[in-house]
Amino acid sequence: MSPKEFDWNKGNIDKNLKRHNVTDRECEEIFFDSQLIVYYDQGHSIKEERYYALGKTVMERKLFVVFTMRKNRIRVISARDMNKREKEEYGKKENTSFQR
């Protein structure tokens, strides 16, 4: 996945800060994580295609982010800290990747 830009407007800006203490910048940072995991969310893709991502910020915070793509822009719907199961799943990829 190669994001071009992000779609932030009054409908979603700072929404995750208020709900889950996740800044918009942190949401963006996970999309540049080399270990990013992205899944298609078929169960929630009724009106538009939705995805969820497991990724890490530059400060090593592990986040679960739900998003959609709109005209090559990533629009974050929701973001929160990963739960235990999600951390384990992310850790599997993290531990099998080449590291220097």
PDB file of N, CA and C in Angstrom:
ATOM      1  N   MET A   1       0.851  -1.184   0.000  1.00  0.00           N
ATOM      2  CA  MET A   1       0.000   0.000   0.000  1.00  0.00           C
ATOM      3  C   MET A   1       0.888   1.235   0.000  1.00  0.00           C
ATOM      4  N   SER A   2       0.594   2.149  -0.886  1.00  0.00           N
ATOM      5  CA  SER A   2       1.385   3.357  -1.006  1.00  0.00           C
ATOM      6  C   SER A   2       0.474   4.574  -0.913  1.00  0.00           C
ATOM      7  N   PRO A   3       0.272   5.104   0.296  1.00  0.00           N
ATOM      8  CA  PRO A   3      -0.665   6.220   0.439  1.00  0.00           C
ATOM      9  C   PRO A   3      -0.171   7.482  -0.247  1.00  0.00           C
ATOM     10  N   LYS A   4      -1.093   8.170  -0.864  1.00  0.00           N
ATOM     11  CA  LYS A   4      -0.775   9.438  -1.512  1.00  0.00           C
ATOM     12  C   LYS A   4      -0.991  10.591  -0.542  1.00  0.00           C
ATOM     13  N   GLU A   5      -2.128  10.580   0.105  1.00  0.00           N
ATOM     14  CA  GLU A   5      -2.432  11.594   1.101  1.00  0.00           C
ATOM     15  C   GLU A   5      -3.588  11.114   1.967  1.00  0.00           C
ATOM     16  N   PHE A   6      -3.909  11.902   2.977  1.00  0.00           N
ATOM     17  CA  PHE A   6      -4.938  11.529   3.920  1.00  0.00           C
ATOM     18  C   PHE A   6      -6.103  12.492   3.821  1.00  0.00           C
ATOM     19  N   ASP A   7      -7.274  11.998   4.117  1.00  0.00           N
ATOM     20  CA  ASP A   7      -8.506  12.775   4.048  1.00  0.00           C
ATOM     21  C   ASP A   7      -8.962  13.094   5.471  1.00  0.00           C
ATOM     22  N   TRP A   8      -8.665  14.298   5.914  1.00  0.00           N
ATOM     23  CA  TRP A   8      -9.102  14.766   7.239  1.00  0.00           C
ATOM     24  C   TRP A   8     -10.019  15.954   7.030  1.00  0.00           C
ATOM     25  N   ASN A   9     -11.192  15.903   7.604  1.00  0.00           N
ATOM     26  CA  ASN A   9     -12.104  17.053   7.571  1.00  0.00           C
ATOM     27  C   ASN A   9     -12.861  17.115   8.884  1.00  0.00           C
ATOM     28  N   LYS A  10     -13.807  18.004   8.996  1.00  0.00           N
ATOM     29  CA  LYS A  10     -14.487  18.181  10.279  1.00  0.00           C
ATOM     30  C   LYS A  10     -15.226  16.927  10.734  1.00  0.00           C
ATOM     31  N   GLY A  11     -15.486  15.993   9.833  1.00  0.00           N
ATOM     32  CA  GLY A  11     -16.165  14.763  10.199  1.00  0.00           C
ATOM     33  C   GLY A  11     -15.283  13.750  10.902  1.00  0.00           C
ATOM     34  N   ASN A  12     -13.962  13.836  10.682  1.00  0.00           N
ATOM     35  CA  ASN A  12     -13.099  12.830  11.313  1.00  0.00           C
ATOM     36  C   ASN A  12     -11.839  13.390  11.976  1.00  0.00           C
ATOM     37  N   ILE A  13     -11.569  14.659  11.832  1.00  0.00           N
ATOM     38  CA  ILE A  13     -10.359  15.211  12.442  1.00  0.00           C
ATOM     39  C   ILE A  13     -10.506  15.211  13.975  1.00  0.00           C
ATOM     40  N   ASP A  14      -9.497  14.756  14.641  1.00  0.00           N
ATOM     41  CA  ASP A  14      -9.432  14.685  16.111  1.00  0.00           C
ATOM     42  C   ASP A  14     -10.470  13.757  16.753  1.00  0.00           C
ATOM     43  N   LYS A  15     -11.248  13.039  15.955  1.00  0.00           N
ATOM     44  CA  LYS A  15     -12.263  12.134  16.498  1.00  0.00           C
ATOM     45  C   LYS A  15     -11.623  11.041  17.355  1.00  0.00           C
ATOM     46  N   ASN A  16     -10.504  10.498  16.887  1.00  0.00           N
ATOM     47  CA  ASN A  16      -9.848   9.410  17.618  1.00  0.00           C
ATOM     48  C   ASN A  16      -9.074   9.907  18.833  1.00  0.00           C
ATOM     49  N   LEU A  17      -8.704  11.166  18.824  1.00  0.00           N
ATOM     50  CA  LEU A  17      -8.059  11.761  19.988  1.00  0.00           C
ATOM     51  C   LEU A  17      -9.053  11.813  21.145  1.00  0.00           C
ATOM     52  N   LYS A  18     -10.259  12.215  20.838  1.00  0.00           N
ATOM     53  CA  LYS A  18     -11.298  12.318  21.866  1.00  0.00           C
ATOM     54  C   LYS A  18     -11.729  10.945  22.376  1.00  0.00           C
ATOM     55  N   ARG A  19     -11.846   9.982  21.483  1.00  0.00           N
ATOM     56  CA  ARG A  19     -12.368   8.661  21.861  1.00  0.00           C
ATOM     57  C   ARG A  19     -11.306   7.720  22.426  1.00  0.00           C
ATOM     58  N   HIS A  20     -10.107   7.737  21.818  1.00  0.00           N
ATOM     59  CA  HIS A  20      -9.101   6.723  22.167  1.00  0.00           C
ATOM     60  C   HIS A  20      -7.708   7.296  22.436  1.00  0.00           C
ATOM     61  N   ASN A  21      -7.601   8.618  22.519  1.00  0.00           N
ATOM     62  CA  ASN A  21      -6.323   9.284  22.768  1.00  0.00           C
ATOM     63  C   ASN A  21      -5.282   8.970  21.686  1.00  0.00           C
ATOM     64  N   VAL A  22      -5.741   8.884  20.427  1.00  0.00           N
ATOM     65  CA  VAL A  22      -4.861   8.651  19.280  1.00  0.00           C
ATOM     66  C   VAL A  22      -4.920   9.888  18.401  1.00  0.00           C
ATOM     67  N   THR A  23      -3.752  10.501  18.146  1.00  0.00           N
ATOM     68  CA  THR A  23      -3.726  11.707  17.318  1.00  0.00           C
ATOM     69  C   THR A  23      -3.848  11.346  15.841  1.00  0.00           C
ATOM     70  N   ASP A  24      -4.239  12.317  15.044  1.00  0.00           N
ATOM     71  CA  ASP A  24      -4.319  12.109  13.599  1.00  0.00           C
ATOM     72  C   ASP A  24      -2.938  11.760  13.038  1.00  0.00           C
ATOM     73  N   ARG A  25      -1.915  12.399  13.548  1.00  0.00           N
ATOM     74  CA  ARG A  25      -0.548  12.116  13.087  1.00  0.00           C
ATOM     75  C   ARG A  25      -0.164  10.664  13.362  1.00  0.00           C
ATOM     76  N   GLU A  26      -0.525  10.155  14.539  1.00  0.00           N
ATOM     77  CA  GLU A  26      -0.232   8.753  14.853  1.00  0.00           C
ATOM     78  C   GLU A  26      -0.951   7.818  13.878  1.00  0.00           C
ATOM     79  N   CYS A  27      -2.187   8.155  13.542  1.00  0.00           N
ATOM     80  CA  CYS A  27      -2.922   7.350  12.563  1.00  0.00           C
ATOM     81  C   CYS A  27      -2.156   7.291  11.244  1.00  0.00           C
ATOM     82  N   GLU A  28      -1.661   8.416  10.797  1.00  0.00           N
ATOM     83  CA  GLU A  28      -0.913   8.480   9.542  1.00  0.00           C
ATOM     84  C   GLU A  28       0.391   7.688   9.620  1.00  0.00           C
ATOM     85  N   GLU A  29       1.068   7.767  10.746  1.00  0.00           N
ATOM     86  CA  GLU A  29       2.389   7.134  10.891  1.00  0.00           C
ATOM     87  C   GLU A  29       2.357   5.636  10.643  1.00  0.00           C
ATOM     88  N   ILE A  30       1.288   4.948  11.029  1.00  0.00           N
ATOM     89  CA  ILE A  30       1.306   3.491  10.870  1.00  0.00           C
ATOM     90  C   ILE A  30       1.360   3.071   9.408  1.00  0.00           C
ATOM     91  N   PHE A  31       0.886   3.915   8.502  1.00  0.00           N
ATOM     92  CA  PHE A  31       0.889   3.570   7.082  1.00  0.00           C
ATOM     93  C   PHE A  31       2.291   3.598   6.475  1.00  0.00           C
ATOM     94  N   PHE A  32       3.264   4.061   7.234  1.00  0.00           N
ATOM     95  CA  PHE A  32       4.656   4.064   6.791  1.00  0.00           C
ATOM     96  C   PHE A  32       5.478   3.023   7.539  1.00  0.00           C
ATOM     97  N   ASP A  33       4.823   2.204   8.343  1.00  0.00           N
ATOM     98  CA  ASP A  33       5.450   1.113   9.090  1.00  0.00           C
ATOM     99  C   ASP A  33       5.775  -0.012   8.113  1.00  0.00           C
ATOM    100  N   SER A  34       7.022  -0.428   8.057  1.00  0.00           N
ATOM    101  CA  SER A  34       7.420  -1.500   7.128  1.00  0.00           C
ATOM    102  C   SER A  34       6.772  -2.831   7.478  1.00  0.00           C
ATOM    103  N   GLN A  35       6.245  -2.980   8.689  1.00  0.00           N
ATOM    104  CA  GLN A  35       5.592  -4.220   9.112  1.00  0.00           C
ATOM    105  C   GLN A  35       4.067  -4.120   9.044  1.00  0.00           C
ATOM    106  N   LEU A  36       3.540  -3.073   8.423  1.00  0.00           N
ATOM    107  CA  LEU A  36       2.101  -2.835   8.358  1.00  0.00           C
ATOM    108  C   LEU A  36       1.357  -4.057   7.825  1.00  0.00           C
ATOM    109  N   ILE A  37       0.264  -4.401   8.489  1.00  0.00           N
ATOM    110  CA  ILE A  37      -0.621  -5.479   8.039  1.00  0.00           C
ATOM    111  C   ILE A  37      -1.965  -4.842   7.719  1.00  0.00           C
ATOM    112  N   VAL A  38      -2.483  -5.100   6.519  1.00  0.00           N
ATOM    113  CA  VAL A  38      -3.769  -4.540   6.099  1.00  0.00           C
ATOM    114  C   VAL A  38      -4.687  -5.682   5.672  1.00  0.00           C
ATOM    115  N   TYR A  39      -5.927  -5.637   6.143  1.00  0.00           N
ATOM    116  CA  TYR A  39      -6.938  -6.627   5.796  1.00  0.00           C
ATOM    117  C   TYR A  39      -8.168  -5.931   5.244  1.00  0.00           C
ATOM    118  N   TYR A  40      -8.815  -6.598   4.299  1.00  0.00           N
ATOM    119  CA  TYR A  40     -10.110  -6.145   3.801  1.00  0.00           C
ATOM    120  C   TYR A  40     -11.156  -6.542   4.828  1.00  0.00           C
ATOM    121  N   ASP A  41     -12.047  -5.631   5.171  1.00  0.00           N
ATOM    122  CA  ASP A  41     -13.076  -5.879   6.178  1.00  0.00           C
ATOM    123  C   ASP A  41     -14.421  -6.097   5.487  1.00  0.00           C
ATOM    124  N   GLN A  42     -14.632  -7.314   5.028  1.00  0.00           N
ATOM    125  CA  GLN A  42     -15.841  -7.623   4.266  1.00  0.00           C
ATOM    126  C   GLN A  42     -17.108  -7.402   5.078  1.00  0.00           C
ATOM    127  N   GLY A  43     -17.086  -7.721   6.354  1.00  0.00           N
ATOM    128  CA  GLY A  43     -18.264  -7.584   7.197  1.00  0.00           C
ATOM    129  C   GLY A  43     -18.752  -6.156   7.376  1.00  0.00           C
ATOM    130  N   HIS A  44     -17.864  -5.175   7.196  1.00  0.00           N
ATOM    131  CA  HIS A  44     -18.247  -3.773   7.363  1.00  0.00           C
ATOM    132  C   HIS A  44     -18.158  -2.980   6.063  1.00  0.00           C
ATOM    133  N   SER A  45     -18.088  -3.675   4.946  1.00  0.00           N
ATOM    134  CA  SER A  45     -17.957  -3.013   3.644  1.00  0.00           C
ATOM    135  C   SER A  45     -19.286  -2.982   2.900  1.00  0.00           C
ATOM    136  N   ILE A  46     -20.303  -2.470   3.542  1.00  0.00           N
ATOM    137  CA  ILE A  46     -21.632  -2.455   2.936  1.00  0.00           C
ATOM    138  C   ILE A  46     -21.793  -1.236   2.017  1.00  0.00           C
ATOM    139  N   LYS A  47     -21.556  -0.049   2.546  1.00  0.00           N
ATOM    140  CA  LYS A  47     -21.704   1.171   1.738  1.00  0.00           C
ATOM    141  C   LYS A  47     -20.430   1.510   0.965  1.00  0.00           C
ATOM    142  N   GLU A  48     -19.290   1.195   1.542  1.00  0.00           N
ATOM    143  CA  GLU A  48     -18.009   1.434   0.882  1.00  0.00           C
ATOM    144  C   GLU A  48     -17.015   0.404   1.394  1.00  0.00           C
ATOM    145  N   GLU A  49     -15.973   0.150   0.629  1.00  0.00           N
ATOM    146  CA  GLU A  49     -14.975  -0.824   1.036  1.00  0.00           C
ATOM    147  C   GLU A  49     -14.201  -0.305   2.242  1.00  0.00           C
ATOM    148  N   ARG A  50     -14.115  -1.150   3.253  1.00  0.00           N
ATOM    149  CA  ARG A  50     -13.379  -0.793   4.465  1.00  0.00           C
ATOM    150  C   ARG A  50     -12.240  -1.772   4.684  1.00  0.00           C
ATOM    151  N   TYR A  51     -11.224  -1.259   5.320  1.00  0.00           N
ATOM    152  CA  TYR A  51     -10.039  -2.049   5.630  1.00  0.00           C
ATOM    153  C   TYR A  51      -9.664  -1.789   7.078  1.00  0.00           C
ATOM    154  N   TYR A  52      -8.891  -2.690   7.631  1.00  0.00           N
ATOM    155  CA  TYR A  52      -8.294  -2.404   8.927  1.00  0.00           C
ATOM    156  C   TYR A  52      -6.823  -2.737   8.861  1.00  0.00           C
ATOM    157  N   ALA A  53      -6.067  -2.000   9.637  1.00  0.00           N
ATOM    158  CA  ALA A  53      -4.616  -2.115   9.603  1.00  0.00           C
ATOM    159  C   ALA A  53      -4.068  -2.270  11.015  1.00  0.00           C
ATOM    160  N   LEU A  54      -3.002  -3.049  11.103  1.00  0.00           N
ATOM    161  CA  LEU A  54      -2.235  -3.178  12.336  1.00  0.00           C
ATOM    162  C   LEU A  54      -0.865  -2.595  12.038  1.00  0.00           C
ATOM    163  N   GLY A  55      -0.470  -1.591  12.796  1.00  0.00           N
ATOM    164  CA  GLY A  55       0.810  -0.951  12.540  1.00  0.00           C
ATOM    165  C   GLY A  55       1.343  -0.242  13.758  1.00  0.00           C
ATOM    166  N   LYS A  56       2.581   0.223  13.607  1.00  0.00           N
ATOM    167  CA  LYS A  56       3.299   0.838  14.723  1.00  0.00           C
ATOM    168  C   LYS A  56       3.683   2.265  14.361  1.00  0.00           C
ATOM    169  N   THR A  57       3.557   3.160  15.333  1.00  0.00           N
ATOM    170  CA  THR A  57       3.949   4.557  15.142  1.00  0.00           C
ATOM    171  C   THR A  57       5.461   4.697  15.336  1.00  0.00           C
ATOM    172  N   VAL A  58       5.984   5.881  15.078  1.00  0.00           N
ATOM    173  CA  VAL A  58       7.418   6.105  15.275  1.00  0.00           C
ATOM    174  C   VAL A  58       7.813   6.002  16.746  1.00  0.00           C
ATOM    175  N   MET A  59       6.843   6.162  17.635  1.00  0.00           N
ATOM    176  CA  MET A  59       7.101   6.016  19.073  1.00  0.00           C
ATOM    177  C   MET A  59       6.795   4.603  19.563  1.00  0.00           C
ATOM    178  N   GLU A  60       6.641   3.658  18.612  1.00  0.00           N
ATOM    179  CA  GLU A  60       6.432   2.237  18.926  1.00  0.00           C
ATOM    180  C   GLU A  60       5.045   1.922  19.485  1.00  0.00           C
ATOM    181  N   ARG A  61       4.110   2.823  19.335  1.00  0.00           N
ATOM    182  CA  ARG A  61       2.735   2.554  19.778  1.00  0.00           C
ATOM    183  C   ARG A  61       2.050   1.689  18.723  1.00  0.00           C
ATOM    184  N   LYS A  62       1.459   0.595  19.150  1.00  0.00           N
ATOM    185  CA  LYS A  62       0.820  -0.339  18.224  1.00  0.00           C
ATOM    186  C   LYS A  62      -0.658  -0.009  18.130  1.00  0.00           C
ATOM    187  N   LEU A  63      -1.094   0.300  16.888  1.00  0.00           N
ATOM    188  CA  LEU A  63      -2.460   0.755  16.668  1.00  0.00           C
ATOM    189  C   LEU A  63      -3.245  -0.145  15.726  1.00  0.00           C
ATOM    190  N   PHE A  64      -4.540  -0.199  15.950  1.00  0.00           N
ATOM    191  CA  PHE A  64      -5.525  -0.827  15.080  1.00  0.00           C
ATOM    192  C   PHE A  64      -6.285   0.327  14.442  1.00  0.00           C
ATOM    193  N   VAL A  65      -6.271   0.417  13.114  1.00  0.00           N
ATOM    194  CA  VAL A  65      -6.897   1.538  12.418  1.00  0.00           C
ATOM    195  C   VAL A  65      -7.863   1.010  11.357  1.00  0.00           C
ATOM    196  N   VAL A  66      -9.100   1.483  11.391  1.00  0.00           N
ATOM    197  CA  VAL A  66     -10.091   1.177  10.369  1.00  0.00           C
ATOM    198  C   VAL A  66     -10.093   2.363   9.408  1.00  0.00           C
ATOM    199  N   PHE A  67     -10.093   2.054   8.091  1.00  0.00           N
ATOM    200  CA  PHE A  67     -10.040   3.137   7.114  1.00  0.00           C
ATOM    201  C   PHE A  67     -10.726   2.723   5.820  1.00  0.00           C
ATOM    202  N   THR A  68     -10.947   3.700   4.971  1.00  0.00           N
ATOM    203  CA  THR A  68     -11.446   3.479   3.627  1.00  0.00           C
ATOM    204  C   THR A  68     -10.591   4.307   2.675  1.00  0.00           C
ATOM    205  N   MET A  69     -10.681   4.005   1.404  1.00  0.00           N
ATOM    206  CA  MET A  69      -9.955   4.776   0.394  1.00  0.00           C
ATOM    207  C   MET A  69     -10.966   5.626  -0.359  1.00  0.00           C
ATOM    208  N   ARG A  70     -10.681   6.901  -0.479  1.00  0.00           N
ATOM    209  CA  ARG A  70     -11.522   7.811  -1.251  1.00  0.00           C
ATOM    210  C   ARG A  70     -10.636   8.613  -2.182  1.00  0.00           C
ATOM    211  N   LYS A  71     -10.762   8.333  -3.460  1.00  0.00           N
ATOM    212  CA  LYS A  71      -9.978   9.029  -4.491  1.00  0.00           C
ATOM    213  C   LYS A  71      -8.489   9.039  -4.139  1.00  0.00           C
ATOM    214  N   ASN A  72      -7.912   7.880  -3.908  1.00  0.00           N
ATOM    215  CA  ASN A  72      -6.492   7.718  -3.565  1.00  0.00           C
ATOM    216  C   ASN A  72      -6.095   8.393  -2.254  1.00  0.00           C
ATOM    217  N   ARG A  73      -7.063   8.675  -1.419  1.00  0.00           N
ATOM    218  CA  ARG A  73      -6.791   9.238  -0.100  1.00  0.00           C
ATOM    219  C   ARG A  73      -7.232   8.238   0.964  1.00  0.00           C
ATOM    220  N   ILE A  74      -6.456   8.155   2.008  1.00  0.00           N
ATOM    221  CA  ILE A  74      -6.807   7.312   3.126  1.00  0.00           C
ATOM    222  C   ILE A  74      -7.675   8.129   4.075  1.00  0.00           C
ATOM    223  N   ARG A  75      -8.870   7.622   4.338  1.00  0.00           N
ATOM    224  CA  ARG A  75      -9.772   8.284   5.284  1.00  0.00           C
ATOM    225  C   ARG A  75      -9.909   7.379   6.495  1.00  0.00           C
ATOM    226  N   VAL A  76      -9.347   7.825   7.607  1.00  0.00           N
ATOM    227  CA  VAL A  76      -9.398   7.050   8.837  1.00  0.00           C
ATOM    228  C   VAL A  76     -10.790   7.158   9.444  1.00  0.00           C
ATOM    229  N   ILE A  77     -11.350   6.005   9.768  1.00  0.00           N
ATOM    230  CA  ILE A  77     -12.676   5.944  10.380  1.00  0.00           C
ATOM    231  C   ILE A  77     -12.548   5.821  11.893  1.00  0.00           C
ATOM    232  N   SER A  78     -11.623   4.970  12.328  1.00  0.00           N
ATOM    233  CA  SER A  78     -11.454   4.733  13.756  1.00  0.00           C
ATOM    234  C   SER A  78     -10.022   4.270  14.019  1.00  0.00           C
ATOM    235  N   ALA A  79      -9.510   4.603  15.195  1.00  0.00           N
ATOM    236  CA  ALA A  79      -8.169   4.172  15.588  1.00  0.00           C
ATOM    237  C   ALA A  79      -8.129   3.994  17.097  1.00  0.00           C
ATOM    238  N   ARG A  80      -7.410   2.945  17.511  1.00  0.00           N
ATOM    239  CA  ARG A  80      -7.269   2.654  18.937  1.00  0.00           C
ATOM    240  C   ARG A  80      -6.013   1.811  19.120  1.00  0.00           C
ATOM    241  N   ASP A  81      -5.626   1.605  20.377  1.00  0.00           N
ATOM    242  CA  ASP A  81      -4.515   0.710  20.657  1.00  0.00           C
ATOM    243  C   ASP A  81      -4.918  -0.718  20.310  1.00  0.00           C
ATOM    244  N   MET A  82      -3.953  -1.507  19.850  1.00  0.00           N
ATOM    245  CA  MET A  82      -4.219  -2.912  19.557  1.00  0.00           C
ATOM    246  C   MET A  82      -4.582  -3.642  20.844  1.00  0.00           C
ATOM    247  N   ASN A  83      -5.470  -4.624  20.712  1.00  0.00           N
ATOM    248  CA  ASN A  83      -5.759  -5.485  21.854  1.00  0.00           C
ATOM    249  C   ASN A  83      -4.738  -6.628  21.885  1.00  0.00           C
ATOM    250  N   LYS A  84      -4.840  -7.507  22.853  1.00  0.00           N
ATOM    251  CA  LYS A  84      -3.856  -8.579  23.035  1.00  0.00           C
ATOM    252  C   LYS A  84      -3.746  -9.464  21.791  1.00  0.00           C
ATOM    253  N   ARG A  85      -4.876  -9.896  21.244  1.00  0.00           N
ATOM    254  CA  ARG A  85      -4.867 -10.774  20.068  1.00  0.00           C
ATOM    255  C   ARG A  85      -4.217 -10.081  18.870  1.00  0.00           C
ATOM    256  N   GLU A  86      -4.538  -8.810  18.666  1.00  0.00           N
ATOM    257  CA  GLU A  86      -3.974  -8.051  17.547  1.00  0.00           C
ATOM    258  C   GLU A  86      -2.466  -7.866  17.710  1.00  0.00           C
ATOM    259  N   LYS A  87      -2.015  -7.634  18.936  1.00  0.00           N
ATOM    260  CA  LYS A  87      -0.577  -7.514  19.198  1.00  0.00           C
ATOM    261  C   LYS A  87       0.139  -8.821  18.874  1.00  0.00           C
ATOM    262  N   GLU A  88      -0.475  -9.944  19.233  1.00  0.00           N
ATOM    263  CA  GLU A  88       0.116 -11.249  18.925  1.00  0.00           C
ATOM    264  C   GLU A  88       0.218 -11.458  17.421  1.00  0.00           C
ATOM    265  N   GLU A  89      -0.841 -11.104  16.697  1.00  0.00           N
ATOM    266  CA  GLU A  89      -0.846 -11.240  15.241  1.00  0.00           C
ATOM    267  C   GLU A  89       0.225 -10.347  14.613  1.00  0.00           C
ATOM    268  N   TYR A  90       0.299  -9.108  15.049  1.00  0.00           N
ATOM    269  CA  TYR A  90       1.305  -8.184  14.536  1.00  0.00           C
ATOM    270  C   TYR A  90       2.706  -8.695  14.874  1.00  0.00           C
ATOM    271  N   GLY A  91       2.873  -9.225  16.076  1.00  0.00           N
ATOM    272  CA  GLY A  91       4.163  -9.738  16.514  1.00  0.00           C
ATOM    273  C   GLY A  91       4.658 -10.889  15.664  1.00  0.00           C
ATOM    274  N   LYS A  92       3.751 -11.706  15.153  1.00  0.00           N
ATOM    275  CA  LYS A  92       4.152 -12.825  14.285  1.00  0.00           C
ATOM    276  C   LYS A  92       4.848 -12.304  13.039  1.00  0.00           C
ATOM    277  N   LYS A  93       4.296 -11.280  12.424  1.00  0.00           N
ATOM    278  CA  LYS A  93       4.911 -10.708  11.222  1.00  0.00           C
ATOM    279  C   LYS A  93       6.203  -9.991  11.587  1.00  0.00           C
ATOM    280  N   GLU A  94       6.161  -9.276  12.693  1.00  0.00           N
ATOM    281  CA  GLU A  94       7.328  -8.520  13.146  1.00  0.00           C
ATOM    282  C   GLU A  94       8.502  -9.462  13.405  1.00  0.00           C
ATOM    283  N   ASN A  95       8.235 -10.607  13.987  1.00  0.00           N
ATOM    284  CA  ASN A  95       9.298 -11.565  14.328  1.00  0.00           C
ATOM    285  C   ASN A  95       9.802 -12.374  13.149  1.00  0.00           C
ATOM    286  N   THR A  96       9.037 -12.443  12.055  1.00  0.00           N
ATOM    287  CA  THR A  96       9.480 -13.216  10.897  1.00  0.00           C
ATOM    288  C   THR A  96      10.111 -12.335   9.822  1.00  0.00           C
ATOM    289  N   SER A  97      10.083 -11.044  10.014  1.00  0.00           N
ATOM    290  CA  SER A  97      10.666 -10.129   9.026  1.00  0.00           C
ATOM    291  C   SER A  97      12.168  -9.996   9.224  1.00  0.00           C
ATOM    292  N   PHE A  98      12.839  -9.710   8.122  1.00  0.00           N
ATOM    293  CA  PHE A  98      14.288  -9.506   8.185  1.00  0.00           C
ATOM    294  C   PHE A  98      14.580  -8.221   8.963  1.00  0.00           C
ATOM    295  N   GLN A  99      15.480  -8.339   9.916  1.00  0.00           N
ATOM    296  CA  GLN A  99      15.879  -7.173  10.685  1.00  0.00           C
ATOM    297  C   GLN A  99      17.393  -7.119  10.758  1.00  0.00           C
ATOM    298  N   ARG A 100      17.958  -5.944  10.713  1.00  0.00           N
ATOM    299  CA  ARG A 100      19.417  -5.786  10.796  1.00  0.00           C
ATOM    300  C   ARG A 100      19.849  -5.700  12.220  1.00  0.00           C
TER     301      ARG A 100
END
